Amino acid sequence: MYQRRAIHPISKTLEPLPQATIETLWTIFVAIGERWSLGDDPSTYRLRFETFLENRINVSPIYRDYYADGGAYFDALVLDLGQAGALDRLFGQKPRVVQSGIPSTRLEAIQRFVANEFISLRLALGGFRSFGAINYRGYFGGANIEGEPTPYRKR
């Protein structure tokens, strides 16, 4: 069936994200639903959001730095531009496609490793229904395992 939870050995030595950083990241996550007019209550996703952060860091410890830097960068943008301006900067500018695959600016790194992943998570947790997804049942869940029932409705 399922394997045990994957945990990178380095992630065991890391300090947890500060609560202030998690709150800043949550602000970004909630803003996604508002900007895309998803129309559902994001507070029901809070536990899943925090679990997502924890799992990302457990599998790839570099994500702790992405999240810490993303929170600090967003907080600095809010001080300079206000929350609406900070969100416009984060979501409004499309990152350049770089041949090397390495972001060339801090904003591009945060868009790629924080904002874009939060967008994917937000859509997976409830956004599909807003766009008329046929298979929506709250969210897509579980793995497609041979011999087990499919975790979504088939056509």
N, C-alpha and C. Protein backbone atom coordinates (compact mmCIF):
# COMPACT_ATOMS: atom_id res chain seq x y z
N MET A 1 0.84 -1.18 0.00
CA MET A 1 0.00 0.00 0.00
C MET A 1 0.88 1.24 0.00
N TYR A 2 0.74 2.11 0.98
CA TYR A 2 1.53 3.34 1.04
C TYR A 2 2.87 3.09 1.73
N GLN A 3 3.86 3.84 1.31
CA GLN A 3 5.15 3.78 1.99
C GLN A 3 5.15 4.72 3.18
N ARG A 4 6.12 4.53 4.07
CA ARG A 4 6.25 5.45 5.18
C ARG A 4 6.58 6.84 4.67
N ARG A 5 6.30 7.84 5.48
CA ARG A 5 6.52 9.23 5.12
C ARG A 5 8.00 9.49 4.83
N ALA A 6 8.28 10.17 3.73
CA ALA A 6 9.65 10.50 3.36
C ALA A 6 10.11 11.72 4.15
N ILE A 7 11.27 11.60 4.76
CA ILE A 7 11.86 12.71 5.50
C ILE A 7 13.34 12.78 5.15
N HIS A 8 13.76 13.90 4.62
CA HIS A 8 15.16 14.12 4.31
C HIS A 8 15.93 14.19 5.62
N PRO A 9 17.11 13.57 5.73
CA PRO A 9 17.85 13.58 7.00
C PRO A 9 18.17 14.99 7.52
N ILE A 10 18.43 15.92 6.63
CA ILE A 10 18.77 17.29 7.06
C ILE A 10 17.56 17.98 7.66
N SER A 11 16.36 17.67 7.14
CA SER A 11 15.17 18.37 7.62
C SER A 11 14.91 18.11 9.11
N LYS A 12 15.42 17.00 9.63
CA LYS A 12 15.23 16.68 11.05
C LYS A 12 15.98 17.66 11.94
N THR A 13 17.01 18.31 11.41
CA THR A 13 17.83 19.22 12.21
C THR A 13 17.36 20.67 12.12
N LEU A 14 16.40 20.96 11.26
CA LEU A 14 15.97 22.33 11.04
C LEU A 14 14.97 22.79 12.09
N GLU A 15 15.05 24.07 12.42
CA GLU A 15 14.05 24.69 13.30
C GLU A 15 12.76 24.83 12.49
N PRO A 16 11.61 24.71 13.15
CA PRO A 16 10.35 24.94 12.43
C PRO A 16 10.26 26.40 11.98
N LEU A 17 9.45 26.62 10.97
CA LEU A 17 9.22 28.00 10.52
C LEU A 17 8.61 28.81 11.66
N PRO A 18 9.03 30.06 11.82
CA PRO A 18 8.39 30.91 12.84
C PRO A 18 6.91 31.12 12.50
N GLN A 19 6.09 31.25 13.53
CA GLN A 19 4.65 31.44 13.31
C GLN A 19 4.37 32.69 12.50
N ALA A 20 5.16 33.74 12.68
CA ALA A 20 4.96 34.98 11.91
C ALA A 20 5.16 34.71 10.42
N THR A 21 6.12 33.88 10.07
CA THR A 21 6.35 33.53 8.66
C THR A 21 5.17 32.73 8.11
N ILE A 22 4.68 31.79 8.90
CA ILE A 22 3.53 30.99 8.47
C ILE A 22 2.32 31.89 8.24
N GLU A 23 2.12 32.88 9.10
CA GLU A 23 1.00 33.81 8.94
C GLU A 23 1.15 34.62 7.65
N THR A 24 2.36 35.06 7.35
CA THR A 24 2.59 35.81 6.10
C THR A 24 2.31 34.93 4.90
N LEU A 25 2.79 33.69 4.93
CA LEU A 25 2.55 32.77 3.82
C LEU A 25 1.06 32.45 3.69
N TRP A 26 0.37 32.35 4.82
CA TRP A 26 -1.08 32.13 4.79
C TRP A 26 -1.78 33.31 4.11
N THR A 27 -1.33 34.52 4.37
CA THR A 27 -1.91 35.71 3.72
C THR A 27 -1.80 35.60 2.21
N ILE A 28 -0.65 35.14 1.73
CA ILE A 28 -0.45 34.95 0.29
C ILE A 28 -1.42 33.88 -0.22
N PHE A 29 -1.52 32.77 0.50
CA PHE A 29 -2.39 31.67 0.10
C PHE A 29 -3.85 32.12 0.00
N VAL A 30 -4.32 32.85 1.00
CA VAL A 30 -5.70 33.33 1.02
C VAL A 30 -5.95 34.29 -0.15
N ALA A 31 -4.97 35.12 -0.45
CA ALA A 31 -5.12 36.10 -1.53
C ALA A 31 -5.31 35.43 -2.88
N ILE A 32 -4.79 34.24 -3.04
CA ILE A 32 -4.95 33.52 -4.31
C ILE A 32 -6.43 33.29 -4.59
N GLY A 33 -7.18 32.81 -3.60
CA GLY A 33 -8.61 32.58 -3.78
C GLY A 33 -9.36 33.85 -4.09
N GLU A 34 -8.96 34.95 -3.46
CA GLU A 34 -9.61 36.24 -3.73
C GLU A 34 -9.31 36.71 -5.15
N ARG A 35 -8.07 36.60 -5.58
CA ARG A 35 -7.68 37.07 -6.92
C ARG A 35 -8.30 36.23 -8.02
N TRP A 36 -8.48 34.93 -7.79
CA TRP A 36 -9.07 34.06 -8.80
C TRP A 36 -10.57 33.90 -8.61
N SER A 37 -11.15 34.61 -7.66
CA SER A 37 -12.59 34.56 -7.38
C SER A 37 -13.07 33.13 -7.21
N LEU A 38 -12.41 32.38 -6.35
CA LEU A 38 -12.76 30.97 -6.17
C LEU A 38 -14.03 30.79 -5.36
N GLY A 39 -14.34 31.73 -4.50
CA GLY A 39 -15.64 31.74 -3.84
C GLY A 39 -15.83 30.76 -2.71
N ASP A 40 -14.80 30.06 -2.27
CA ASP A 40 -14.98 29.17 -1.13
C ASP A 40 -14.22 29.73 0.07
N ASP A 41 -14.43 29.13 1.22
CA ASP A 41 -13.84 29.62 2.46
C ASP A 41 -12.46 28.98 2.65
N PRO A 42 -11.38 29.76 2.52
CA PRO A 42 -10.04 29.18 2.64
C PRO A 42 -9.68 28.72 4.05
N SER A 43 -10.41 29.19 5.06
CA SER A 43 -10.05 28.81 6.44
C SER A 43 -10.16 27.29 6.65
N THR A 44 -10.97 26.63 5.84
CA THR A 44 -11.09 25.17 5.96
C THR A 44 -9.84 24.45 5.48
N TYR A 45 -8.95 25.18 4.79
CA TYR A 45 -7.73 24.58 4.25
C TYR A 45 -6.50 24.87 5.11
N ARG A 46 -6.67 25.53 6.23
CA ARG A 46 -5.51 25.96 7.03
C ARG A 46 -4.62 24.79 7.44
N LEU A 47 -5.20 23.73 7.96
CA LEU A 47 -4.41 22.58 8.40
C LEU A 47 -3.68 21.94 7.21
N ARG A 48 -4.37 21.81 6.10
CA ARG A 48 -3.74 21.22 4.91
C ARG A 48 -2.60 22.10 4.41
N PHE A 49 -2.79 23.41 4.49
CA PHE A 49 -1.75 24.35 4.08
C PHE A 49 -0.49 24.18 4.93
N GLU A 50 -0.68 24.14 6.25
CA GLU A 50 0.47 23.99 7.14
C GLU A 50 1.13 22.62 6.97
N THR A 51 0.35 21.60 6.72
CA THR A 51 0.90 20.28 6.45
C THR A 51 1.69 20.28 5.15
N PHE A 52 1.19 21.00 4.15
CA PHE A 52 1.90 21.14 2.88
C PHE A 52 3.28 21.75 3.11
N LEU A 53 3.34 22.83 3.89
CA LEU A 53 4.62 23.47 4.18
C LEU A 53 5.57 22.47 4.86
N GLU A 54 5.05 21.81 5.87
CA GLU A 54 5.87 20.85 6.62
C GLU A 54 6.38 19.72 5.73
N ASN A 55 5.50 19.18 4.88
CA ASN A 55 5.90 18.09 4.00
C ASN A 55 6.93 18.52 2.98
N ARG A 56 6.77 19.71 2.42
CA ARG A 56 7.75 20.23 1.46
C ARG A 56 9.13 20.32 2.11
N ILE A 57 9.17 20.84 3.32
CA ILE A 57 10.44 21.00 4.03
C ILE A 57 11.02 19.63 4.39
N ASN A 58 10.18 18.68 4.79
CA ASN A 58 10.66 17.34 5.14
C ASN A 58 11.29 16.63 3.95
N VAL A 59 10.72 16.81 2.77
CA VAL A 59 11.23 16.14 1.58
C VAL A 59 12.42 16.90 0.99
N SER A 60 12.36 18.21 1.01
CA SER A 60 13.42 19.04 0.42
C SER A 60 13.70 20.22 1.36
N PRO A 61 14.70 20.10 2.21
CA PRO A 61 14.95 21.11 3.24
C PRO A 61 15.18 22.52 2.72
N ILE A 62 15.57 22.68 1.46
CA ILE A 62 15.78 24.02 0.89
C ILE A 62 14.48 24.83 0.92
N TYR A 63 13.34 24.15 0.96
CA TYR A 63 12.06 24.87 0.99
C TYR A 63 11.89 25.69 2.26
N ARG A 64 12.54 25.30 3.34
CA ARG A 64 12.47 26.13 4.55
C ARG A 64 13.03 27.51 4.25
N ASP A 65 14.13 27.56 3.52
CA ASP A 65 14.73 28.84 3.14
C ASP A 65 13.84 29.60 2.15
N TYR A 66 13.25 28.88 1.20
CA TYR A 66 12.34 29.55 0.25
C TYR A 66 11.17 30.19 1.00
N TYR A 67 10.59 29.45 1.95
CA TYR A 67 9.45 29.97 2.68
C TYR A 67 9.84 31.13 3.60
N ALA A 68 10.97 30.99 4.29
CA ALA A 68 11.42 32.07 5.17
C ALA A 68 11.73 33.32 4.36
N ASP A 69 12.43 33.16 3.24
CA ASP A 69 12.76 34.31 2.41
C ASP A 69 11.52 34.89 1.74
N GLY A 70 10.61 34.01 1.30
CA GLY A 70 9.37 34.48 0.69
C GLY A 70 8.53 35.31 1.65
N GLY A 71 8.45 34.86 2.90
CA GLY A 71 7.72 35.62 3.91
C GLY A 71 8.36 36.96 4.19
N ALA A 72 9.69 36.96 4.32
CA ALA A 72 10.41 38.22 4.59
C ALA A 72 10.29 39.18 3.41
N TYR A 73 10.39 38.65 2.20
CA TYR A 73 10.29 39.49 0.99
C TYR A 73 8.89 40.10 0.90
N PHE A 74 7.87 39.28 1.13
CA PHE A 74 6.50 39.79 1.06
C PHE A 74 6.25 40.84 2.13
N ASP A 75 6.73 40.60 3.35
CA ASP A 75 6.57 41.59 4.41
C ASP A 75 7.23 42.91 4.04
N ALA A 76 8.41 42.85 3.41
CA ALA A 76 9.10 44.07 2.98
C ALA A 76 8.31 44.78 1.88
N LEU A 77 7.74 44.00 0.97
CA LEU A 77 6.90 44.60 -0.08
C LEU A 77 5.68 45.29 0.52
N VAL A 78 5.07 44.67 1.52
CA VAL A 78 3.90 45.27 2.17
C VAL A 78 4.28 46.61 2.80
N LEU A 79 5.44 46.67 3.43
CA LEU A 79 5.89 47.94 4.03
C LEU A 79 6.09 49.01 2.96
N ASP A 80 6.62 48.62 1.80
CA ASP A 80 6.89 49.58 0.73
C ASP A 80 5.66 49.93 -0.10
N LEU A 81 4.84 48.93 -0.41
CA LEU A 81 3.76 49.12 -1.39
C LEU A 81 2.36 48.96 -0.83
N GLY A 82 2.24 48.50 0.42
CA GLY A 82 0.94 48.13 0.95
C GLY A 82 0.60 46.72 0.50
N GLN A 83 -0.41 46.11 1.14
CA GLN A 83 -0.71 44.71 0.82
C GLN A 83 -1.16 44.52 -0.62
N ALA A 84 -2.03 45.39 -1.12
CA ALA A 84 -2.50 45.25 -2.50
C ALA A 84 -1.34 45.37 -3.49
N GLY A 85 -0.47 46.33 -3.26
CA GLY A 85 0.68 46.50 -4.14
C GLY A 85 1.64 45.32 -4.07
N ALA A 86 1.83 44.78 -2.86
CA ALA A 86 2.71 43.63 -2.70
C ALA A 86 2.15 42.42 -3.45
N LEU A 87 0.84 42.21 -3.35
CA LEU A 87 0.22 41.10 -4.06
C LEU A 87 0.28 41.31 -5.57
N ASP A 88 0.11 42.55 -6.03
CA ASP A 88 0.25 42.84 -7.45
C ASP A 88 1.65 42.50 -7.94
N ARG A 89 2.65 42.86 -7.16
CA ARG A 89 4.03 42.56 -7.54
C ARG A 89 4.26 41.06 -7.59
N LEU A 90 3.76 40.35 -6.60
CA LEU A 90 3.98 38.91 -6.52
C LEU A 90 3.24 38.14 -7.60
N PHE A 91 1.99 38.52 -7.85
CA PHE A 91 1.18 37.78 -8.82
C PHE A 91 1.11 38.45 -10.19
N GLY A 92 1.41 39.74 -10.25
CA GLY A 92 1.21 40.49 -11.48
C GLY A 92 2.32 40.39 -12.49
N GLN A 93 3.54 40.19 -12.03
CA GLN A 93 4.66 40.10 -12.95
C GLN A 93 4.96 38.64 -13.22
N LYS A 94 4.92 38.27 -14.49
CA LYS A 94 5.23 36.89 -14.83
C LYS A 94 6.75 36.71 -14.81
N PRO A 95 7.21 35.63 -14.18
CA PRO A 95 8.66 35.39 -14.16
C PRO A 95 9.17 35.05 -15.56
N ARG A 96 10.38 35.50 -15.82
CA ARG A 96 10.99 35.17 -17.11
C ARG A 96 11.30 33.68 -17.15
N VAL A 97 11.27 33.11 -18.35
CA VAL A 97 11.68 31.73 -18.51
C VAL A 97 13.18 31.74 -18.76
N VAL A 98 13.91 31.14 -17.86
CA VAL A 98 15.36 31.15 -17.93
C VAL A 98 15.83 29.80 -18.44
N GLN A 99 16.74 29.82 -19.40
CA GLN A 99 17.23 28.58 -19.99
C GLN A 99 17.88 27.67 -18.95
N SER A 100 18.61 28.27 -18.00
CA SER A 100 19.32 27.45 -17.01
C SER A 100 18.36 26.83 -16.00
N GLY A 101 17.14 27.35 -15.91
CA GLY A 101 16.19 26.87 -14.91
C GLY A 101 16.40 27.49 -13.54
N ILE A 102 17.40 28.35 -13.42
CA ILE A 102 17.70 28.99 -12.15
C ILE A 102 17.13 30.41 -12.18
N PRO A 103 16.26 30.76 -11.24
CA PRO A 103 15.72 32.12 -11.23
C PRO A 103 16.85 33.14 -11.10
N SER A 104 16.70 34.27 -11.79
CA SER A 104 17.78 35.27 -11.78
C SER A 104 17.54 36.38 -10.77
N THR A 105 16.34 36.48 -10.22
CA THR A 105 16.07 37.51 -9.21
C THR A 105 15.36 36.86 -8.02
N ARG A 106 15.37 37.58 -6.93
CA ARG A 106 14.69 37.10 -5.73
C ARG A 106 13.20 36.95 -5.97
N LEU A 107 12.61 37.92 -6.68
CA LEU A 107 11.18 37.85 -6.99
C LEU A 107 10.87 36.60 -7.80
N GLU A 108 11.68 36.30 -8.81
CA GLU A 108 11.43 35.11 -9.63
C GLU A 108 11.52 33.83 -8.81
N ALA A 109 12.47 33.77 -7.89
CA ALA A 109 12.60 32.58 -7.05
C ALA A 109 11.37 32.41 -6.16
N ILE A 110 10.89 33.50 -5.59
CA ILE A 110 9.73 33.43 -4.71
C ILE A 110 8.47 33.10 -5.51
N GLN A 111 8.35 33.67 -6.69
CA GLN A 111 7.21 33.32 -7.53
C GLN A 111 7.21 31.83 -7.86
N ARG A 112 8.37 31.31 -8.21
CA ARG A 112 8.46 29.92 -8.64
C ARG A 112 8.29 28.93 -7.50
N PHE A 113 8.99 29.16 -6.38
CA PHE A 113 9.03 28.16 -5.32
C PHE A 113 8.03 28.41 -4.19
N VAL A 114 7.38 29.56 -4.19
CA VAL A 114 6.39 29.85 -3.16
C VAL A 114 5.03 30.12 -3.82
N ALA A 115 4.91 31.23 -4.52
CA ALA A 115 3.60 31.65 -5.05
C ALA A 115 3.01 30.63 -6.01
N ASN A 116 3.77 30.16 -6.99
CA ASN A 116 3.21 29.24 -7.98
C ASN A 116 2.81 27.91 -7.34
N GLU A 117 3.57 27.46 -6.37
CA GLU A 117 3.20 26.22 -5.69
C GLU A 117 1.96 26.40 -4.83
N PHE A 118 1.83 27.58 -4.22
CA PHE A 118 0.61 27.87 -3.45
C PHE A 118 -0.60 27.93 -4.38
N ILE A 119 -0.42 28.47 -5.57
CA ILE A 119 -1.52 28.53 -6.54
C ILE A 119 -1.97 27.10 -6.88
N SER A 120 -1.01 26.23 -7.15
CA SER A 120 -1.36 24.84 -7.47
C SER A 120 -2.08 24.17 -6.31
N LEU A 121 -1.59 24.39 -5.10
CA LEU A 121 -2.25 23.80 -3.93
C LEU A 121 -3.65 24.35 -3.76
N ARG A 122 -3.81 25.66 -3.91
CA ARG A 122 -5.12 26.30 -3.73
C ARG A 122 -6.13 25.76 -4.71
N LEU A 123 -5.71 25.57 -5.96
CA LEU A 123 -6.62 25.02 -6.96
C LEU A 123 -6.95 23.57 -6.65
N ALA A 124 -5.98 22.81 -6.17
CA ALA A 124 -6.23 21.41 -5.84
C ALA A 124 -7.18 21.27 -4.66
N LEU A 125 -7.17 22.23 -3.74
CA LEU A 125 -8.01 22.12 -2.55
C LEU A 125 -9.43 22.65 -2.74
N GLY A 126 -9.73 23.27 -3.83
CA GLY A 126 -11.10 23.75 -3.98
C GLY A 126 -11.35 24.52 -5.25
N GLY A 127 -10.32 24.92 -5.92
CA GLY A 127 -10.49 25.75 -7.09
C GLY A 127 -11.05 25.04 -8.30
N PHE A 128 -10.82 23.73 -8.39
CA PHE A 128 -11.32 23.01 -9.57
C PHE A 128 -12.82 23.14 -9.70
N ARG A 129 -13.52 23.12 -8.59
CA ARG A 129 -14.97 23.23 -8.63
C ARG A 129 -15.40 24.58 -9.20
N SER A 130 -14.68 25.63 -8.84
CA SER A 130 -15.00 26.97 -9.33
C SER A 130 -14.90 27.06 -10.85
N PHE A 131 -14.03 26.23 -11.42
CA PHE A 131 -13.85 26.26 -12.86
C PHE A 131 -14.67 25.18 -13.57
N GLY A 132 -15.56 24.52 -12.84
CA GLY A 132 -16.48 23.56 -13.45
C GLY A 132 -15.91 22.16 -13.63
N ALA A 133 -14.97 21.75 -12.80
CA ALA A 133 -14.38 20.42 -12.94
C ALA A 133 -15.44 19.35 -12.74
N ILE A 134 -15.42 18.35 -13.58
CA ILE A 134 -16.39 17.27 -13.52
C ILE A 134 -16.15 16.37 -12.32
N ASN A 135 -14.89 16.12 -11.99
CA ASN A 135 -14.54 15.14 -10.95
C ASN A 135 -14.49 15.73 -9.56
N TYR A 136 -14.96 16.92 -9.34
CA TYR A 136 -14.82 17.58 -8.05
C TYR A 136 -15.65 16.89 -6.97
N ARG A 137 -15.02 16.56 -5.85
CA ARG A 137 -15.71 16.02 -4.66
C ARG A 137 -15.08 16.62 -3.42
N GLY A 138 -14.80 17.86 -3.44
CA GLY A 138 -14.11 18.50 -2.33
C GLY A 138 -12.66 18.73 -2.69
N TYR A 139 -11.98 17.70 -3.11
CA TYR A 139 -10.62 17.77 -3.62
C TYR A 139 -10.25 16.41 -4.15
N PHE A 140 -9.22 16.37 -4.97
CA PHE A 140 -8.72 15.10 -5.45
C PHE A 140 -7.86 14.52 -4.34
N GLY A 141 -8.04 13.28 -3.99
CA GLY A 141 -7.27 12.74 -2.90
C GLY A 141 -6.89 11.30 -3.13
N GLY A 142 -5.85 10.89 -2.48
CA GLY A 142 -5.41 9.51 -2.56
C GLY A 142 -4.55 9.25 -3.77
N ALA A 143 -4.06 8.05 -3.83
CA ALA A 143 -3.17 7.66 -4.93
C ALA A 143 -3.91 6.70 -5.85
N ASN A 144 -3.48 6.66 -7.08
CA ASN A 144 -4.03 5.72 -8.04
C ASN A 144 -3.25 4.42 -7.89
N ILE A 145 -3.77 3.50 -7.09
CA ILE A 145 -3.06 2.26 -6.79
C ILE A 145 -3.80 1.12 -7.46
N GLU A 146 -3.03 0.27 -8.15
CA GLU A 146 -3.63 -0.85 -8.86
C GLU A 146 -4.41 -1.73 -7.89
N GLY A 147 -5.64 -2.05 -8.27
CA GLY A 147 -6.48 -2.89 -7.45
C GLY A 147 -7.31 -2.15 -6.42
N GLU A 148 -7.04 -0.86 -6.24
CA GLU A 148 -7.79 -0.03 -5.29
C GLU A 148 -8.77 0.84 -6.08
N PRO A 149 -9.85 1.31 -5.46
CA PRO A 149 -10.78 2.17 -6.18
C PRO A 149 -10.09 3.49 -6.60
N THR A 150 -10.49 3.99 -7.75
CA THR A 150 -9.95 5.24 -8.25
C THR A 150 -10.40 6.36 -7.33
N PRO A 151 -9.47 7.31 -6.96
CA PRO A 151 -9.83 8.37 -6.01
C PRO A 151 -10.65 9.50 -6.62
N TYR A 152 -11.14 9.31 -7.83
CA TYR A 152 -11.97 10.33 -8.47
C TYR A 152 -12.95 9.61 -9.39
N ARG A 153 -13.96 10.32 -9.84
CA ARG A 153 -14.95 9.70 -10.72
C ARG A 153 -14.41 9.63 -12.14
N LYS A 154 -14.52 8.48 -12.74
CA LYS A 154 -14.07 8.31 -14.13
C LYS A 154 -15.22 8.65 -15.06
N ARG A 155 -14.90 9.10 -16.27
CA ARG A 155 -15.93 9.38 -17.26
C ARG A 155 -16.58 8.12 -17.74
